[in-house]
Amino acid sequence: MTVKSSISLTDEQHAFARTLVEAGRYASLSAVLQQGVNLLRQRLDAEELETAALRELLSRRRAGTFIEAEQMDARLAAMVDGKRRAQGLSS
């Protein structure tokens, strides 16, 4: 089912949509706008999924164990030293 709706476009938006129709990429201005709405929906859905994933990651991280900054510094220094040795570089 389709619903008729009155919309307003800027001159630039209308010219761009009209160009797409004239180039044969879309059958009508309605088709251009429908595609635009579909793309916006897909983008918003993807953003919602990313936000939910980040929330879950943060939740898991908050529930995990933490180490002191000095311990992390020591781990990083050891990792860098190991990489340097593996590459034959002096520390």
Foldseek 3Di string as FASTA:
>chain_A
DDDDDDDDDDPVVVVVLVVCCVVVVDVDSVRVVVVVVVVVVVVVVVVVVVVVVVVVVVVVVVVDDDDDPVVVVVVVVVVVCVVCVVVVHDD
